[in-house]
N, C-alpha and C. Protein backbone atom coordinates (compact mmCIF):
# COMPACT_ATOMS: atom_id res chain seq x y z
N MET A 1 0.85 -1.20 0.00
CA MET A 1 0.00 0.00 0.00
C MET A 1 0.88 1.25 0.00
N PRO A 2 0.64 2.20 -0.93
CA PRO A 2 1.44 3.43 -0.92
C PRO A 2 1.17 4.23 0.34
N GLU A 3 2.15 5.04 0.73
CA GLU A 3 1.96 5.85 1.93
C GLU A 3 0.80 6.81 1.73
N ARG A 4 0.09 7.07 2.82
CA ARG A 4 -1.08 7.92 2.77
C ARG A 4 -0.85 9.18 3.60
N VAL A 5 -1.56 10.25 3.23
CA VAL A 5 -1.62 11.46 4.04
C VAL A 5 -3.07 11.62 4.46
N ILE A 6 -3.31 11.51 5.76
CA ILE A 6 -4.67 11.49 6.30
C ILE A 6 -4.81 12.59 7.33
N ALA A 7 -5.86 13.38 7.21
CA ALA A 7 -6.16 14.44 8.19
C ALA A 7 -7.31 13.99 9.08
N ILE A 8 -7.24 14.37 10.35
CA ILE A 8 -8.31 14.12 11.31
C ILE A 8 -8.80 15.46 11.85
N GLY A 9 -10.11 15.66 11.84
CA GLY A 9 -10.69 16.92 12.28
C GLY A 9 -10.69 17.10 13.79
N ASP A 10 -11.37 18.12 14.25
CA ASP A 10 -11.38 18.51 15.66
C ASP A 10 -11.93 17.37 16.53
N ILE A 11 -11.12 16.92 17.48
CA ILE A 11 -11.47 15.77 18.33
C ILE A 11 -12.23 16.23 19.58
N HIS A 12 -11.81 17.33 20.16
CA HIS A 12 -12.49 17.93 21.32
C HIS A 12 -12.80 16.93 22.43
N GLY A 13 -11.78 16.19 22.85
CA GLY A 13 -11.95 15.33 24.01
C GLY A 13 -12.76 14.08 23.79
N CYS A 14 -13.06 13.74 22.54
CA CYS A 14 -13.85 12.54 22.24
C CYS A 14 -12.91 11.36 21.98
N ALA A 15 -12.39 10.79 23.06
CA ALA A 15 -11.38 9.74 22.94
C ALA A 15 -11.94 8.46 22.32
N ASN A 16 -13.18 8.12 22.61
CA ASN A 16 -13.76 6.92 22.01
C ASN A 16 -13.82 7.05 20.49
N ALA A 17 -14.15 8.25 20.03
CA ALA A 17 -14.19 8.49 18.58
C ALA A 17 -12.80 8.37 17.98
N LEU A 18 -11.80 8.94 18.65
CA LEU A 18 -10.43 8.85 18.13
C LEU A 18 -9.97 7.40 18.07
N THR A 19 -10.22 6.64 19.13
CA THR A 19 -9.84 5.23 19.15
C THR A 19 -10.48 4.48 17.98
N ALA A 20 -11.77 4.74 17.77
CA ALA A 20 -12.49 4.03 16.71
C ALA A 20 -11.99 4.41 15.33
N ILE A 21 -11.74 5.69 15.12
CA ILE A 21 -11.33 6.10 13.77
C ILE A 21 -9.92 5.63 13.46
N LEU A 22 -9.06 5.56 14.47
CA LEU A 22 -7.73 4.99 14.25
C LEU A 22 -7.84 3.50 13.91
N GLY A 23 -8.81 2.83 14.50
CA GLY A 23 -9.03 1.43 14.16
C GLY A 23 -9.49 1.24 12.73
N LEU A 24 -10.26 2.19 12.22
CA LEU A 24 -10.70 2.12 10.83
C LEU A 24 -9.57 2.47 9.86
N ILE A 25 -8.79 3.47 10.22
CA ILE A 25 -7.69 3.92 9.35
C ILE A 25 -6.56 2.90 9.32
N GLU A 26 -6.26 2.31 10.47
CA GLU A 26 -5.12 1.40 10.63
C GLU A 26 -3.84 2.04 10.08
N PRO A 27 -3.38 3.15 10.68
CA PRO A 27 -2.21 3.86 10.15
C PRO A 27 -0.98 2.97 10.14
N ALA A 28 -0.26 3.00 9.01
CA ALA A 28 0.98 2.25 8.85
C ALA A 28 2.16 3.15 9.16
N ALA A 29 3.33 2.56 9.29
CA ALA A 29 4.52 3.31 9.69
C ALA A 29 4.87 4.42 8.72
N ASP A 30 4.57 4.24 7.42
CA ASP A 30 4.93 5.26 6.44
C ASP A 30 3.77 6.20 6.11
N ASP A 31 2.66 6.10 6.84
CA ASP A 31 1.56 7.05 6.67
C ASP A 31 1.85 8.33 7.45
N THR A 32 1.36 9.45 6.92
CA THR A 32 1.38 10.72 7.64
C THR A 32 -0.04 11.01 8.13
N LEU A 33 -0.16 11.25 9.42
CA LEU A 33 -1.45 11.51 10.04
C LEU A 33 -1.41 12.93 10.62
N VAL A 34 -2.19 13.83 10.02
CA VAL A 34 -2.22 15.23 10.45
C VAL A 34 -3.48 15.46 11.28
N VAL A 35 -3.28 15.80 12.54
CA VAL A 35 -4.40 16.08 13.44
C VAL A 35 -4.56 17.60 13.48
N LEU A 36 -5.75 18.09 13.13
CA LEU A 36 -5.92 19.51 12.81
C LEU A 36 -6.10 20.43 14.00
N GLY A 37 -5.89 19.94 15.22
CA GLY A 37 -5.97 20.82 16.38
C GLY A 37 -7.32 20.77 17.06
N ASP A 38 -7.44 21.48 18.19
CA ASP A 38 -8.61 21.40 19.06
C ASP A 38 -8.86 19.94 19.44
N CYS A 39 -7.82 19.32 19.95
CA CYS A 39 -7.92 17.94 20.43
C CYS A 39 -8.57 17.87 21.80
N ILE A 40 -8.55 18.98 22.52
CA ILE A 40 -8.99 19.02 23.91
C ILE A 40 -10.27 19.84 24.06
N ASP A 41 -10.81 19.84 25.31
CA ASP A 41 -11.94 20.68 25.72
C ASP A 41 -13.27 20.15 25.18
N ARG A 42 -14.32 20.45 25.91
CA ARG A 42 -15.72 20.17 25.58
C ARG A 42 -16.09 18.71 25.76
N GLY A 43 -15.39 17.80 25.14
CA GLY A 43 -15.68 16.38 25.33
C GLY A 43 -15.19 15.89 26.68
N PRO A 44 -15.50 14.64 27.05
CA PRO A 44 -15.24 14.16 28.40
C PRO A 44 -13.86 13.59 28.66
N ALA A 45 -13.03 13.39 27.61
CA ALA A 45 -11.83 12.58 27.80
C ALA A 45 -10.60 13.19 27.13
N SER A 46 -10.35 14.47 27.41
CA SER A 46 -9.18 15.12 26.80
C SER A 46 -7.88 14.44 27.21
N ARG A 47 -7.80 14.03 28.48
CA ARG A 47 -6.56 13.36 28.91
C ARG A 47 -6.29 12.12 28.07
N ARG A 48 -7.31 11.31 27.84
CA ARG A 48 -7.12 10.09 27.06
C ARG A 48 -6.76 10.41 25.61
N VAL A 49 -7.30 11.49 25.06
CA VAL A 49 -6.93 11.90 23.70
C VAL A 49 -5.43 12.17 23.61
N ILE A 50 -4.90 12.94 24.56
CA ILE A 50 -3.47 13.24 24.54
C ILE A 50 -2.66 11.96 24.73
N GLU A 51 -3.11 11.08 25.60
CA GLU A 51 -2.41 9.80 25.79
C GLU A 51 -2.39 8.98 24.50
N LEU A 52 -3.52 8.96 23.79
CA LEU A 52 -3.58 8.22 22.53
C LEU A 52 -2.62 8.79 21.49
N LEU A 53 -2.53 10.11 21.44
CA LEU A 53 -1.60 10.73 20.49
C LEU A 53 -0.16 10.41 20.85
N LEU A 54 0.16 10.45 22.13
CA LEU A 54 1.51 10.09 22.56
C LEU A 54 1.82 8.63 22.22
N GLU A 55 0.85 7.75 22.38
CA GLU A 55 1.04 6.35 22.03
C GLU A 55 1.24 6.17 20.53
N LEU A 56 0.55 6.99 19.74
CA LEU A 56 0.62 6.88 18.28
C LEU A 56 1.91 7.46 17.73
N ASP A 57 2.46 8.46 18.42
CA ASP A 57 3.67 9.13 17.97
C ASP A 57 4.81 8.10 17.87
N GLY A 58 5.40 8.00 16.69
CA GLY A 58 6.45 7.01 16.48
C GLY A 58 5.97 5.79 15.73
N ARG A 59 4.66 5.51 15.79
CA ARG A 59 4.10 4.39 15.02
C ARG A 59 3.77 4.79 13.59
N CYS A 60 3.66 6.10 13.35
CA CYS A 60 3.48 6.65 12.01
C CYS A 60 4.05 8.06 12.06
N ASN A 61 4.00 8.77 10.95
CA ASN A 61 4.44 10.17 10.95
C ASN A 61 3.27 11.02 11.44
N LEU A 62 3.19 11.21 12.74
CA LEU A 62 2.09 11.95 13.35
C LEU A 62 2.43 13.43 13.40
N VAL A 63 1.51 14.27 12.89
CA VAL A 63 1.72 15.72 12.87
C VAL A 63 0.54 16.39 13.55
N PRO A 64 0.60 16.64 14.86
CA PRO A 64 -0.48 17.37 15.52
C PRO A 64 -0.32 18.88 15.27
N LEU A 65 -1.41 19.52 14.93
CA LEU A 65 -1.41 20.97 14.73
C LEU A 65 -2.02 21.67 15.94
N PHE A 66 -1.60 22.90 16.12
CA PHE A 66 -1.98 23.73 17.26
C PHE A 66 -3.30 24.41 16.96
N GLY A 67 -4.33 24.16 17.77
CA GLY A 67 -5.61 24.82 17.61
C GLY A 67 -5.79 25.94 18.61
N ASN A 68 -6.88 26.68 18.47
CA ASN A 68 -7.11 27.79 19.39
C ASN A 68 -7.38 27.29 20.81
N HIS A 69 -7.91 26.07 20.96
CA HIS A 69 -8.13 25.56 22.32
C HIS A 69 -6.83 25.18 23.00
N GLU A 70 -5.88 24.65 22.24
CA GLU A 70 -4.55 24.42 22.81
C GLU A 70 -3.88 25.74 23.17
N GLU A 71 -4.11 26.76 22.34
CA GLU A 71 -3.56 28.09 22.66
C GLU A 71 -4.14 28.61 23.97
N MET A 72 -5.45 28.46 24.16
CA MET A 72 -6.07 28.93 25.40
C MET A 72 -5.55 28.16 26.61
N LEU A 73 -5.36 26.86 26.45
CA LEU A 73 -4.81 26.06 27.55
C LEU A 73 -3.44 26.56 27.96
N LEU A 74 -2.55 26.73 27.01
CA LEU A 74 -1.19 27.15 27.35
C LEU A 74 -1.17 28.57 27.89
N ALA A 75 -2.09 29.42 27.42
CA ALA A 75 -2.20 30.76 28.00
C ALA A 75 -2.61 30.66 29.46
N ALA A 76 -3.52 29.73 29.77
CA ALA A 76 -3.95 29.55 31.16
C ALA A 76 -2.81 29.03 32.03
N VAL A 77 -1.91 28.23 31.44
CA VAL A 77 -0.74 27.75 32.18
C VAL A 77 0.24 28.89 32.43
N ASP A 78 0.52 29.66 31.38
CA ASP A 78 1.55 30.69 31.46
C ASP A 78 1.07 31.98 32.11
N ARG A 79 -0.23 32.27 31.95
CA ARG A 79 -0.81 33.51 32.50
C ARG A 79 -2.13 33.14 33.17
N PRO A 80 -2.08 32.69 34.41
CA PRO A 80 -3.28 32.18 35.08
C PRO A 80 -4.47 33.13 35.07
N GLY A 81 -4.21 34.41 34.93
CA GLY A 81 -5.31 35.37 34.89
C GLY A 81 -6.20 35.22 33.68
N THR A 82 -5.72 34.52 32.64
CA THR A 82 -6.53 34.31 31.44
C THR A 82 -7.35 33.02 31.51
N ALA A 83 -7.22 32.27 32.59
CA ALA A 83 -7.82 30.93 32.66
C ALA A 83 -9.33 30.96 32.54
N ILE A 84 -9.98 32.03 32.99
CA ILE A 84 -11.43 32.07 32.97
C ILE A 84 -11.96 31.93 31.55
N SER A 85 -11.25 32.51 30.58
CA SER A 85 -11.66 32.40 29.18
C SER A 85 -11.60 30.96 28.71
N TRP A 86 -10.50 30.28 29.03
CA TRP A 86 -10.35 28.87 28.65
C TRP A 86 -11.39 28.00 29.34
N LEU A 87 -11.59 28.21 30.64
CA LEU A 87 -12.54 27.38 31.39
C LEU A 87 -13.95 27.49 30.83
N SER A 88 -14.32 28.68 30.38
CA SER A 88 -15.67 28.89 29.85
C SER A 88 -15.84 28.33 28.45
N CYS A 89 -14.74 27.94 27.81
CA CYS A 89 -14.79 27.40 26.44
C CYS A 89 -14.50 25.91 26.40
N GLY A 90 -14.72 25.24 27.51
CA GLY A 90 -14.52 23.80 27.55
C GLY A 90 -13.33 23.36 28.36
N GLY A 91 -12.55 24.32 28.87
CA GLY A 91 -11.39 23.96 29.67
C GLY A 91 -11.75 23.24 30.96
N SER A 92 -12.93 23.54 31.50
CA SER A 92 -13.34 22.86 32.73
C SER A 92 -13.52 21.36 32.48
N ASP A 93 -13.95 20.99 31.28
CA ASP A 93 -14.07 19.57 30.94
C ASP A 93 -12.70 18.90 30.86
N THR A 94 -11.72 19.64 30.36
CA THR A 94 -10.36 19.10 30.31
C THR A 94 -9.82 18.89 31.72
N LEU A 95 -9.98 19.88 32.59
CA LEU A 95 -9.52 19.71 33.97
C LEU A 95 -10.19 18.51 34.63
N ALA A 96 -11.48 18.34 34.40
CA ALA A 96 -12.20 17.21 35.00
C ALA A 96 -11.63 15.88 34.52
N SER A 97 -11.23 15.82 33.25
CA SER A 97 -10.69 14.56 32.72
C SER A 97 -9.37 14.19 33.37
N TYR A 98 -8.64 15.19 33.86
CA TYR A 98 -7.37 14.97 34.55
C TYR A 98 -7.55 14.89 36.07
N GLY A 99 -8.71 15.27 36.56
CA GLY A 99 -8.88 15.39 38.01
C GLY A 99 -7.99 16.47 38.58
N ALA A 100 -7.81 17.55 37.82
CA ALA A 100 -6.89 18.63 38.19
C ALA A 100 -7.67 19.88 38.57
N ALA A 101 -7.09 20.66 39.47
CA ALA A 101 -7.74 21.88 39.93
C ALA A 101 -7.44 23.08 39.05
N SER A 102 -6.34 23.03 38.30
CA SER A 102 -5.96 24.16 37.46
C SER A 102 -5.10 23.66 36.32
N ALA A 103 -4.90 24.52 35.32
CA ALA A 103 -4.08 24.16 34.16
C ALA A 103 -2.64 23.86 34.58
N GLN A 104 -2.17 24.55 35.61
CA GLN A 104 -0.79 24.33 36.07
C GLN A 104 -0.59 22.93 36.65
N LYS A 105 -1.68 22.27 37.00
CA LYS A 105 -1.59 20.94 37.62
C LYS A 105 -1.63 19.80 36.59
N LEU A 106 -1.76 20.13 35.31
CA LEU A 106 -1.77 19.09 34.30
C LEU A 106 -0.38 18.48 34.16
N PRO A 107 -0.28 17.23 33.69
CA PRO A 107 1.03 16.58 33.60
C PRO A 107 2.01 17.36 32.73
N ARG A 108 3.20 17.55 33.26
CA ARG A 108 4.22 18.32 32.55
C ARG A 108 4.51 17.70 31.18
N GLU A 109 4.54 16.38 31.11
CA GLU A 109 4.80 15.71 29.84
C GLU A 109 3.78 16.11 28.78
N HIS A 110 2.52 16.21 29.18
CA HIS A 110 1.46 16.55 28.23
C HIS A 110 1.59 18.00 27.78
N LEU A 111 1.87 18.89 28.70
CA LEU A 111 2.01 20.30 28.34
C LEU A 111 3.21 20.52 27.43
N LEU A 112 4.33 19.87 27.73
CA LEU A 112 5.51 19.99 26.87
C LEU A 112 5.22 19.44 25.49
N TYR A 113 4.49 18.34 25.43
CA TYR A 113 4.14 17.74 24.14
C TYR A 113 3.30 18.71 23.31
N ILE A 114 2.28 19.31 23.90
CA ILE A 114 1.42 20.24 23.17
C ILE A 114 2.23 21.43 22.66
N ARG A 115 3.21 21.86 23.41
CA ARG A 115 4.04 22.99 22.97
C ARG A 115 4.86 22.66 21.71
N THR A 116 5.01 21.39 21.38
CA THR A 116 5.77 21.02 20.18
C THR A 116 4.90 20.99 18.93
N TRP A 117 3.61 21.16 19.06
CA TRP A 117 2.72 21.02 17.91
C TRP A 117 2.96 22.15 16.91
N LYS A 118 2.68 21.87 15.66
CA LYS A 118 2.98 22.80 14.56
C LYS A 118 1.79 23.71 14.27
N ASP A 119 2.09 24.84 13.61
CA ASP A 119 1.03 25.74 13.16
C ASP A 119 0.40 25.26 11.86
N TYR A 120 1.19 24.64 11.00
CA TYR A 120 0.68 24.15 9.72
C TYR A 120 1.59 23.04 9.22
N TYR A 121 1.11 22.35 8.19
CA TYR A 121 1.90 21.30 7.56
C TYR A 121 1.56 21.34 6.08
N GLU A 122 2.53 21.06 5.22
CA GLU A 122 2.25 21.07 3.79
C GLU A 122 2.91 19.91 3.08
N THR A 123 2.27 19.50 1.99
CA THR A 123 2.83 18.53 1.06
C THR A 123 2.97 19.23 -0.29
N ASP A 124 3.26 18.48 -1.32
CA ASP A 124 3.37 19.08 -2.65
C ASP A 124 2.03 19.57 -3.17
N THR A 125 0.95 19.04 -2.66
CA THR A 125 -0.37 19.34 -3.22
C THR A 125 -1.36 19.96 -2.23
N HIS A 126 -1.11 19.82 -0.93
CA HIS A 126 -2.05 20.27 0.09
C HIS A 126 -1.31 20.99 1.21
N PHE A 127 -2.06 21.84 1.93
CA PHE A 127 -1.55 22.31 3.22
C PHE A 127 -2.67 22.17 4.25
N PHE A 128 -2.25 22.05 5.49
CA PHE A 128 -3.14 21.73 6.60
C PHE A 128 -2.96 22.80 7.67
N ALA A 129 -4.07 23.34 8.15
CA ALA A 129 -4.03 24.35 9.20
C ALA A 129 -5.29 24.21 10.04
N HIS A 130 -5.31 24.85 11.21
CA HIS A 130 -6.46 24.67 12.08
C HIS A 130 -7.68 25.44 11.59
N GLY A 131 -7.52 26.74 11.33
CA GLY A 131 -8.67 27.58 11.09
C GLY A 131 -8.82 28.08 9.67
N SER A 132 -8.00 29.06 9.32
CA SER A 132 -8.09 29.64 7.98
C SER A 132 -6.68 30.07 7.56
N TYR A 133 -6.60 30.96 6.57
CA TYR A 133 -5.31 31.40 6.03
C TYR A 133 -5.52 32.67 5.23
N SER A 134 -4.43 33.37 4.95
CA SER A 134 -4.46 34.54 4.08
C SER A 134 -4.02 34.10 2.68
N PRO A 135 -4.86 34.30 1.67
CA PRO A 135 -4.59 33.74 0.35
C PRO A 135 -3.30 34.20 -0.30
N ARG A 136 -2.88 35.43 -0.02
CA ARG A 136 -1.72 35.98 -0.73
C ARG A 136 -0.47 36.09 0.13
N VAL A 137 -0.43 35.34 1.21
CA VAL A 137 0.73 35.33 2.10
C VAL A 137 1.35 33.93 2.07
N PRO A 138 2.68 33.83 1.84
CA PRO A 138 3.31 32.50 1.86
C PRO A 138 3.02 31.78 3.18
N LEU A 139 2.94 30.48 3.10
CA LEU A 139 2.56 29.70 4.29
C LEU A 139 3.51 29.92 5.45
N ASP A 140 4.80 30.07 5.16
CA ASP A 140 5.76 30.25 6.25
C ASP A 140 5.79 31.67 6.79
N GLN A 141 4.91 32.55 6.24
CA GLN A 141 4.82 33.93 6.73
C GLN A 141 3.42 34.27 7.26
N GLN A 142 2.55 33.30 7.33
CA GLN A 142 1.20 33.53 7.83
C GLN A 142 1.23 33.91 9.31
N GLU A 143 0.25 34.69 9.73
CA GLU A 143 0.07 35.00 11.14
C GLU A 143 -0.86 33.93 11.73
N TRP A 144 -0.28 32.76 12.00
CA TRP A 144 -1.11 31.63 12.42
C TRP A 144 -1.80 31.89 13.76
N GLY A 145 -1.19 32.70 14.61
CA GLY A 145 -1.83 33.04 15.88
C GLY A 145 -3.14 33.78 15.68
N TYR A 146 -3.29 34.43 14.53
CA TYR A 146 -4.55 35.08 14.15
C TYR A 146 -5.43 34.13 13.36
N GLU A 147 -4.85 33.46 12.38
CA GLU A 147 -5.63 32.65 11.45
C GLU A 147 -6.30 31.46 12.12
N ARG A 148 -5.70 30.91 13.18
CA ARG A 148 -6.31 29.72 13.79
C ARG A 148 -7.63 30.04 14.48
N TRP A 149 -7.91 31.33 14.67
CA TRP A 149 -9.16 31.75 15.30
C TRP A 149 -10.24 32.11 14.28
N GLN A 150 -9.91 32.18 13.01
CA GLN A 150 -10.84 32.73 12.02
C GLN A 150 -11.87 31.70 11.57
N SER A 151 -13.12 32.11 11.60
CA SER A 151 -14.22 31.23 11.23
C SER A 151 -14.53 31.35 9.74
N LEU A 152 -14.75 30.22 9.10
CA LEU A 152 -15.16 30.23 7.70
C LEU A 152 -16.56 30.80 7.53
N ARG A 153 -17.33 30.87 8.62
CA ARG A 153 -18.64 31.50 8.53
C ARG A 153 -18.53 33.00 8.34
N ASP A 154 -17.41 33.57 8.78
CA ASP A 154 -17.19 35.01 8.60
C ASP A 154 -16.60 35.32 7.23
N LEU A 155 -15.72 34.45 6.75
CA LEU A 155 -15.06 34.69 5.46
C LEU A 155 -14.51 33.39 4.92
N LEU A 156 -14.93 33.04 3.71
CA LEU A 156 -14.33 31.91 3.00
C LEU A 156 -13.16 32.45 2.18
N PRO A 157 -11.93 32.05 2.50
CA PRO A 157 -10.79 32.61 1.78
C PRO A 157 -10.74 32.14 0.34
N GLU A 158 -10.13 32.95 -0.50
CA GLU A 158 -9.88 32.57 -1.88
C GLU A 158 -8.80 31.49 -1.91
N PRO A 159 -8.58 30.87 -3.07
CA PRO A 159 -7.50 29.88 -3.16
C PRO A 159 -6.16 30.47 -2.75
N HIS A 160 -5.33 29.67 -2.11
CA HIS A 160 -4.01 30.14 -1.70
C HIS A 160 -3.11 30.28 -2.91
N GLN A 161 -2.20 31.27 -2.85
CA GLN A 161 -1.31 31.56 -3.98
C GLN A 161 -0.42 30.37 -4.36
N SER A 162 -0.23 29.45 -3.45
CA SER A 162 0.59 28.27 -3.75
C SER A 162 -0.10 27.31 -4.71
N GLY A 163 -1.42 27.45 -4.85
CA GLY A 163 -2.18 26.51 -5.66
C GLY A 163 -2.53 25.23 -4.92
N LYS A 164 -2.11 25.12 -3.66
CA LYS A 164 -2.37 23.91 -2.89
C LYS A 164 -3.77 23.96 -2.27
N THR A 165 -4.36 22.79 -2.10
CA THR A 165 -5.67 22.67 -1.46
C THR A 165 -5.51 22.77 0.05
N ALA A 166 -6.35 23.57 0.68
CA ALA A 166 -6.32 23.75 2.14
C ALA A 166 -7.23 22.72 2.81
N ILE A 167 -6.71 22.07 3.84
CA ILE A 167 -7.48 21.15 4.67
C ILE A 167 -7.51 21.74 6.07
N VAL A 168 -8.70 22.09 6.56
CA VAL A 168 -8.81 22.81 7.83
C VAL A 168 -9.90 22.20 8.70
N GLY A 169 -9.94 22.66 9.95
CA GLY A 169 -10.99 22.33 10.89
C GLY A 169 -11.58 23.61 11.45
N HIS A 170 -11.82 23.65 12.76
CA HIS A 170 -12.19 24.83 13.53
C HIS A 170 -13.64 25.28 13.34
N THR A 171 -14.08 25.46 12.10
CA THR A 171 -15.45 25.92 11.86
C THR A 171 -16.36 24.71 11.81
N SER A 172 -17.07 24.46 12.91
CA SER A 172 -17.85 23.23 13.01
C SER A 172 -18.98 23.21 11.97
N GLN A 173 -19.04 22.11 11.24
CA GLN A 173 -20.11 21.88 10.27
C GLN A 173 -21.22 21.13 11.01
N LYS A 174 -22.19 21.89 11.48
CA LYS A 174 -23.15 21.33 12.44
C LYS A 174 -24.14 20.36 11.81
N ASP A 175 -24.13 20.25 10.48
CA ASP A 175 -24.93 19.22 9.84
C ASP A 175 -24.16 17.91 9.72
N GLY A 176 -22.90 17.91 10.15
CA GLY A 176 -22.10 16.70 10.11
C GLY A 176 -21.50 16.38 8.76
N GLU A 177 -21.66 17.28 7.80
CA GLU A 177 -21.15 17.02 6.45
C GLU A 177 -19.86 17.80 6.20
N VAL A 178 -18.93 17.17 5.50
CA VAL A 178 -17.68 17.83 5.13
C VAL A 178 -17.98 19.00 4.20
N LEU A 179 -17.34 20.14 4.46
CA LEU A 179 -17.45 21.30 3.57
C LEU A 179 -16.32 21.22 2.54
N ASP A 180 -16.66 21.09 1.27
CA ASP A 180 -15.67 20.98 0.20
C ASP A 180 -16.01 21.98 -0.88
N ILE A 181 -15.18 23.04 -0.98
CA ILE A 181 -15.41 24.05 -2.02
C ILE A 181 -14.29 24.01 -3.06
N GLY A 182 -13.61 22.89 -3.14
CA GLY A 182 -12.58 22.72 -4.16
C GLY A 182 -11.20 23.07 -3.65
N HIS A 183 -10.96 24.36 -3.44
CA HIS A 183 -9.63 24.78 -2.98
C HIS A 183 -9.50 24.68 -1.46
N LEU A 184 -10.61 24.40 -0.77
CA LEU A 184 -10.62 24.31 0.69
C LEU A 184 -11.58 23.22 1.11
N VAL A 185 -11.14 22.40 2.07
CA VAL A 185 -11.99 21.36 2.64
C VAL A 185 -11.94 21.49 4.16
N CYS A 186 -13.11 21.59 4.78
CA CYS A 186 -13.20 21.68 6.24
C CYS A 186 -13.79 20.38 6.77
N ILE A 187 -13.04 19.74 7.69
CA ILE A 187 -13.48 18.44 8.21
C ILE A 187 -13.78 18.48 9.71
N ASP A 188 -14.08 19.66 10.25
CA ASP A 188 -14.64 19.71 11.61
C ASP A 188 -16.13 19.44 11.48
N THR A 189 -16.53 18.22 11.74
CA THR A 189 -17.93 17.83 11.55
C THR A 189 -18.64 17.59 12.89
N TYR A 190 -18.22 18.35 13.91
CA TYR A 190 -19.02 18.56 15.13
C TYR A 190 -19.20 17.29 15.95
N CYS A 191 -18.12 16.55 16.13
CA CYS A 191 -18.21 15.31 16.91
C CYS A 191 -18.70 15.58 18.33
N CYS A 192 -18.16 16.62 18.96
CA CYS A 192 -18.53 16.88 20.36
C CYS A 192 -19.95 17.41 20.49
N GLY A 193 -20.57 17.77 19.36
CA GLY A 193 -21.94 18.28 19.39
C GLY A 193 -22.97 17.28 18.91
N GLY A 194 -22.57 16.02 18.76
CA GLY A 194 -23.54 15.00 18.40
C GLY A 194 -23.45 14.50 16.97
N LYS A 195 -22.47 14.97 16.21
CA LYS A 195 -22.32 14.51 14.83
C LYS A 195 -21.12 13.57 14.72
N TRP A 196 -20.07 13.95 13.96
CA TRP A 196 -19.05 12.98 13.58
C TRP A 196 -17.64 13.51 13.75
N LEU A 197 -16.73 12.60 14.05
CA LEU A 197 -15.30 12.85 13.87
C LEU A 197 -14.93 12.33 12.49
N THR A 198 -14.27 13.17 11.71
CA THR A 198 -13.97 12.84 10.32
C THR A 198 -12.48 12.70 10.10
N ALA A 199 -12.11 11.69 9.33
CA ALA A 199 -10.75 11.54 8.82
C ALA A 199 -10.82 11.51 7.30
N LEU A 200 -9.84 12.14 6.65
CA LEU A 200 -9.83 12.27 5.19
C LEU A 200 -8.46 11.89 4.65
N ASP A 201 -8.43 10.92 3.75
CA ASP A 201 -7.22 10.59 2.99
C ASP A 201 -7.18 11.53 1.79
N VAL A 202 -6.24 12.46 1.77
CA VAL A 202 -6.28 13.52 0.76
C VAL A 202 -5.88 13.01 -0.62
N SER A 203 -5.25 11.86 -0.70
CA SER A 203 -4.86 11.32 -2.01
C SER A 203 -6.02 10.59 -2.68
N SER A 204 -6.72 9.77 -1.91
CA SER A 204 -7.81 8.97 -2.48
C SER A 204 -9.18 9.58 -2.25
N ASN A 205 -9.25 10.63 -1.40
CA ASN A 205 -10.51 11.24 -0.97
C ASN A 205 -11.39 10.27 -0.18
N SER A 206 -10.80 9.22 0.36
CA SER A 206 -11.54 8.33 1.25
C SER A 206 -11.86 9.07 2.55
N ILE A 207 -13.07 8.87 3.05
CA ILE A 207 -13.53 9.52 4.28
C ILE A 207 -14.00 8.45 5.26
N TRP A 208 -13.60 8.62 6.51
CA TRP A 208 -14.10 7.80 7.61
C TRP A 208 -14.79 8.73 8.60
N GLN A 209 -15.93 8.31 9.14
CA GLN A 209 -16.63 9.11 10.15
C GLN A 209 -17.16 8.20 11.25
N VAL A 210 -16.99 8.65 12.49
CA VAL A 210 -17.55 7.95 13.65
C VAL A 210 -18.17 8.99 14.57
N ASP A 211 -19.12 8.54 15.39
CA ASP A 211 -19.70 9.47 16.36
C ASP A 211 -18.89 9.43 17.66
N ALA A 212 -19.32 10.20 18.64
CA ALA A 212 -18.53 10.34 19.87
C ALA A 212 -18.39 9.03 20.63
N SER A 213 -19.32 8.12 20.43
CA SER A 213 -19.23 6.82 21.10
C SER A 213 -18.31 5.86 20.36
N GLY A 214 -17.93 6.23 19.12
CA GLY A 214 -17.08 5.37 18.30
C GLY A 214 -17.83 4.59 17.24
N ARG A 215 -19.14 4.81 17.11
CA ARG A 215 -19.93 4.08 16.12
C ARG A 215 -19.70 4.66 14.73
N PRO A 216 -19.31 3.83 13.75
CA PRO A 216 -19.09 4.35 12.39
C PRO A 216 -20.38 4.86 11.76
N ARG A 217 -20.27 5.88 10.95
CA ARG A 217 -21.44 6.38 10.24
C ARG A 217 -21.92 5.31 9.26
N GLY A 218 -23.19 5.03 9.32
CA GLY A 218 -23.76 3.99 8.47
C GLY A 218 -23.60 2.60 9.04
N GLY A 219 -22.92 2.51 10.21
CA GLY A 219 -22.69 1.21 10.81
C GLY A 219 -23.77 0.82 11.79
């Protein structure tokens, strides 16, 4: 089997969904698995999600991307006065999954791991980011700290100057359907809100979807 490049949308603490979708994908050592960020918060099992990613790291080319929820978590660690914003956006669910009283009490290994996550990833044909992008700015010059917060409901960006297809998450598709406008594909399909966790093989356009309990769509 040729190596695959597979993206996984916003997990948001849905560890059962992540476990199930990895079982469907069966990532091989030469596969690249790009996780589009917002792995934590809102769902019940953020700790287990991070543990699963750590277990997967090294078994394939795993590329976790930094989402706005990871940004809020690290801000709460580094600047405790900002924690109220994170807690009100699902951070309290993350603390509960760890049995922790504050962001500073989370395992150091997990926090250090999240700090290594990338802002974006690119191949010859695609690039992957959490939220959005500026069409006329090179990928290595984007203001990702701004773009990861941008909703596609506010602005659908034009094709990127690189000619590459954008694969993003962040803007939840509350009908559970992948948004595909050709030059941009959004695979945040609202798993934590009752719809699906989506994985997309960008070469074959194969799609896998499971709900928060791990049940495959159509299964």
